[in-house]
Amino acid sequence: MCPKDESIEKVIDCMILKQAIRDLASKNTDLSESASKFFKSSSYENLCASLHIDKSVMDESIRELETYPLISKKKLANKMARLLDSFSGR
């Protein structure tokens, strides 16, 4: 999903999405709340469309992530971010 040979805009979109996932698992409550709001925004919808991500599947993953305790949430968020890279054919 993180396009390796795509436009710089798509690469940046993917980096934004990966960071938002990591921010959601942050112990900094302001940062995690901000990320949570992002996942309800039109900007998030636009990123999913730009990256050809099934938003409903991503939404379910985000909802599930938010239910985990902090330590598990951080590990899972990093794994999700790495998965975005694996879909790019690296």
C-alpha atoms as a PDB file:
ATOM      1  CA  MET A   1       0.000   0.000   0.000  1.00  0.00           C
ATOM      2  CA  CYS A   2       2.888   2.357   0.545  1.00  0.00           C
ATOM      3  CA  PRO A   3       3.818   2.833  -3.074  1.00  0.00           C
ATOM      4  CA  LYS A   4       7.515   2.542  -3.712  1.00  0.00           C
ATOM      5  CA  ASP A   5       7.476   3.557  -7.349  1.00  0.00           C
ATOM      6  CA  GLU A   6       4.609   6.025  -7.241  1.00  0.00           C
ATOM      7  CA  SER A   7       4.366   9.767  -7.057  1.00  0.00           C
ATOM      8  CA  ILE A   8       5.857  11.604  -4.125  1.00  0.00           C
ATOM      9  CA  GLU A   9       2.324  12.584  -3.087  1.00  0.00           C
ATOM     10  CA  LYS A  10       1.309   8.949  -2.614  1.00  0.00           C
ATOM     11  CA  VAL A  11       4.479   8.184  -0.698  1.00  0.00           C
ATOM     12  CA  ILE A  12       3.764  11.140   1.599  1.00  0.00           C
ATOM     13  CA  ASP A  13       0.126  10.049   1.990  1.00  0.00           C
ATOM     14  CA  CYS A  14       1.315   6.629   3.100  1.00  0.00           C
ATOM     15  CA  MET A  15       3.803   8.112   5.542  1.00  0.00           C
ATOM     16  CA  ILE A  16       1.026  10.264   7.033  1.00  0.00           C
ATOM     17  CA  LEU A  17      -1.207   7.220   7.461  1.00  0.00           C
ATOM     18  CA  LYS A  18       1.567   5.190   9.087  1.00  0.00           C
ATOM     19  CA  GLN A  19       2.352   8.004  11.523  1.00  0.00           C
ATOM     20  CA  ALA A  20      -1.326   8.444  12.388  1.00  0.00           C
ATOM     21  CA  ILE A  21      -1.521   4.740  13.251  1.00  0.00           C
ATOM     22  CA  ARG A  22       1.534   5.077  15.489  1.00  0.00           C
ATOM     23  CA  ASP A  23       0.170   8.285  17.065  1.00  0.00           C
ATOM     24  CA  LEU A  24      -3.061   6.487  17.905  1.00  0.00           C
ATOM     25  CA  ALA A  25      -1.021   4.177  20.154  1.00  0.00           C
ATOM     26  CA  SER A  26       0.931   7.001  21.802  1.00  0.00           C
ATOM     27  CA  LYS A  27       0.996   7.327  25.585  1.00  0.00           C
ATOM     28  CA  ASN A  28       0.670  11.084  24.994  1.00  0.00           C
ATOM     29  CA  THR A  29      -3.101  11.450  25.312  1.00  0.00           C
ATOM     30  CA  ASP A  30      -3.232  14.676  23.287  1.00  0.00           C
ATOM     31  CA  LEU A  31      -1.457  12.939  20.416  1.00  0.00           C
ATOM     32  CA  SER A  32      -3.608   9.816  20.561  1.00  0.00           C
ATOM     33  CA  GLU A  33      -6.815  11.868  20.755  1.00  0.00           C
ATOM     34  CA  SER A  34      -5.692  13.944  17.787  1.00  0.00           C
ATOM     35  CA  ALA A  35      -5.011  10.761  15.815  1.00  0.00           C
ATOM     36  CA  SER A  36      -8.401   9.384  16.794  1.00  0.00           C
ATOM     37  CA  LYS A  37     -10.054  12.532  15.426  1.00  0.00           C
ATOM     38  CA  PHE A  38      -7.998  12.223  12.239  1.00  0.00           C
ATOM     39  CA  PHE A  39      -9.440   8.748  11.611  1.00  0.00           C
ATOM     40  CA  LYS A  40     -12.905  10.327  11.593  1.00  0.00           C
ATOM     41  CA  SER A  41     -11.965  13.121   9.171  1.00  0.00           C
ATOM     42  CA  SER A  42     -12.366  13.678   5.459  1.00  0.00           C
ATOM     43  CA  SER A  43      -8.559  13.871   5.196  1.00  0.00           C
ATOM     44  CA  TYR A  44      -8.388  10.233   6.313  1.00  0.00           C
ATOM     45  CA  GLU A  45     -11.073   9.305   3.770  1.00  0.00           C
ATOM     46  CA  ASN A  46      -9.051  11.055   1.063  1.00  0.00           C
ATOM     47  CA  LEU A  47      -5.877   9.175   2.075  1.00  0.00           C
ATOM     48  CA  CYS A  48      -7.681   5.844   1.860  1.00  0.00           C
ATOM     49  CA  ALA A  49      -8.973   6.733  -1.591  1.00  0.00           C
ATOM     50  CA  SER A  50      -5.564   7.968  -2.737  1.00  0.00           C
ATOM     51  CA  LEU A  51      -3.872   4.777  -1.555  1.00  0.00           C
ATOM     52  CA  HIS A  52      -6.663   2.458  -2.767  1.00  0.00           C
ATOM     53  CA  ILE A  53      -7.269   1.221   0.768  1.00  0.00           C
ATOM     54  CA  ASP A  54     -10.621  -0.304   1.680  1.00  0.00           C
ATOM     55  CA  LYS A  55     -11.656   2.247   4.299  1.00  0.00           C
ATOM     56  CA  SER A  56     -14.126  -0.098   6.002  1.00  0.00           C
ATOM     57  CA  VAL A  57     -11.380  -2.675   6.604  1.00  0.00           C
ATOM     58  CA  MET A  58      -9.015   0.013   7.890  1.00  0.00           C
ATOM     59  CA  ASP A  59     -11.767   1.420  10.129  1.00  0.00           C
ATOM     60  CA  GLU A  60     -12.311  -1.994  11.691  1.00  0.00           C
ATOM     61  CA  SER A  61      -8.569  -2.362  12.317  1.00  0.00           C
ATOM     62  CA  ILE A  62      -8.412   1.082  13.921  1.00  0.00           C
ATOM     63  CA  ARG A  63     -11.427   0.343  16.163  1.00  0.00           C
ATOM     64  CA  GLU A  64      -9.826  -2.910  17.245  1.00  0.00           C
ATOM     65  CA  LEU A  65      -6.476  -1.214  17.874  1.00  0.00           C
ATOM     66  CA  GLU A  66      -8.128   1.316  20.182  1.00  0.00           C
ATOM     67  CA  THR A  67      -9.383  -1.491  22.454  1.00  0.00           C
ATOM     68  CA  TYR A  68      -5.905  -2.811  23.287  1.00  0.00           C
ATOM     69  CA  PRO A  69      -3.880  -1.826  26.370  1.00  0.00           C
ATOM     70  CA  LEU A  70      -1.078   0.657  25.699  1.00  0.00           C
ATOM     71  CA  ILE A  71       1.876  -1.756  25.414  1.00  0.00           C
ATOM     72  CA  SER A  72       0.002  -4.148  23.147  1.00  0.00           C
ATOM     73  CA  LYS A  73      -1.430  -1.210  21.216  1.00  0.00           C
ATOM     74  CA  LYS A  74       2.059   0.165  20.487  1.00  0.00           C
ATOM     75  CA  LYS A  75       3.293  -3.217  19.237  1.00  0.00           C
ATOM     76  CA  LEU A  76       0.239  -3.741  17.080  1.00  0.00           C
ATOM     77  CA  ALA A  77       0.387  -0.187  15.681  1.00  0.00           C
ATOM     78  CA  ASN A  78       4.001  -0.726  14.596  1.00  0.00           C
ATOM     79  CA  LYS A  79       3.038  -4.033  13.013  1.00  0.00           C
ATOM     80  CA  MET A  80       0.178  -2.348  11.122  1.00  0.00           C
ATOM     81  CA  ALA A  81       2.537   0.358   9.864  1.00  0.00           C
ATOM     82  CA  ARG A  82       5.002  -2.289   8.656  1.00  0.00           C
ATOM     83  CA  LEU A  83       2.168  -4.124   6.895  1.00  0.00           C
ATOM     84  CA  LEU A  84       1.507  -1.045   4.802  1.00  0.00           C
ATOM     85  CA  ASP A  85       5.052  -1.390   3.477  1.00  0.00           C
ATOM     86  CA  SER A  86       4.643  -5.105   2.787  1.00  0.00           C
ATOM     87  CA  PHE A  87       1.712  -4.429   0.464  1.00  0.00           C
ATOM     88  CA  SER A  88       3.926  -2.257  -1.694  1.00  0.00           C
ATOM     89  CA  GLY A  89       5.816  -5.279  -3.002  1.00  0.00           C
ATOM     90  CA  ARG A  90       9.060  -4.676  -1.135  1.00  0.00           C
END
